[in-house]
């Protein structure tokens, strides 16, 4: 469309691309919410445990960040400290079986100066 000099066709294709991009993001968000619900069922889970199994790295970080904020607001014990378990998994579902979420979670916590302890799975 660009080489042919057809601006209307170019605009149509750009609009279509934007709509597909939006649809993909919405489907990914829906899938992430289903995965979160699967591993973090409200009725049965420990409220101080955040399970990030099967999420993509970006989704895992966003979910963890939101949950930590929520937990700090709900469970503040006056000293600003809270013990939370974050489960990242081993990376078995990642390409090549290499953990991707765990190193990103650790980096995120370090960047913010949040004390944390890693446990071997």
Foldseek 3Di string as FASTA:
>chain_A
DVVVPDVVVVVVVVVVVVVVVVVVVVVLVVVLVVVQCVVCPPVDDDLQEGEPPPHDQVSSVVVVVVSVVVCQVVPPPPVSDDDGHYHQDQQCVPVVSHRDNVVSVVVVCVVVVHDDDDDDD
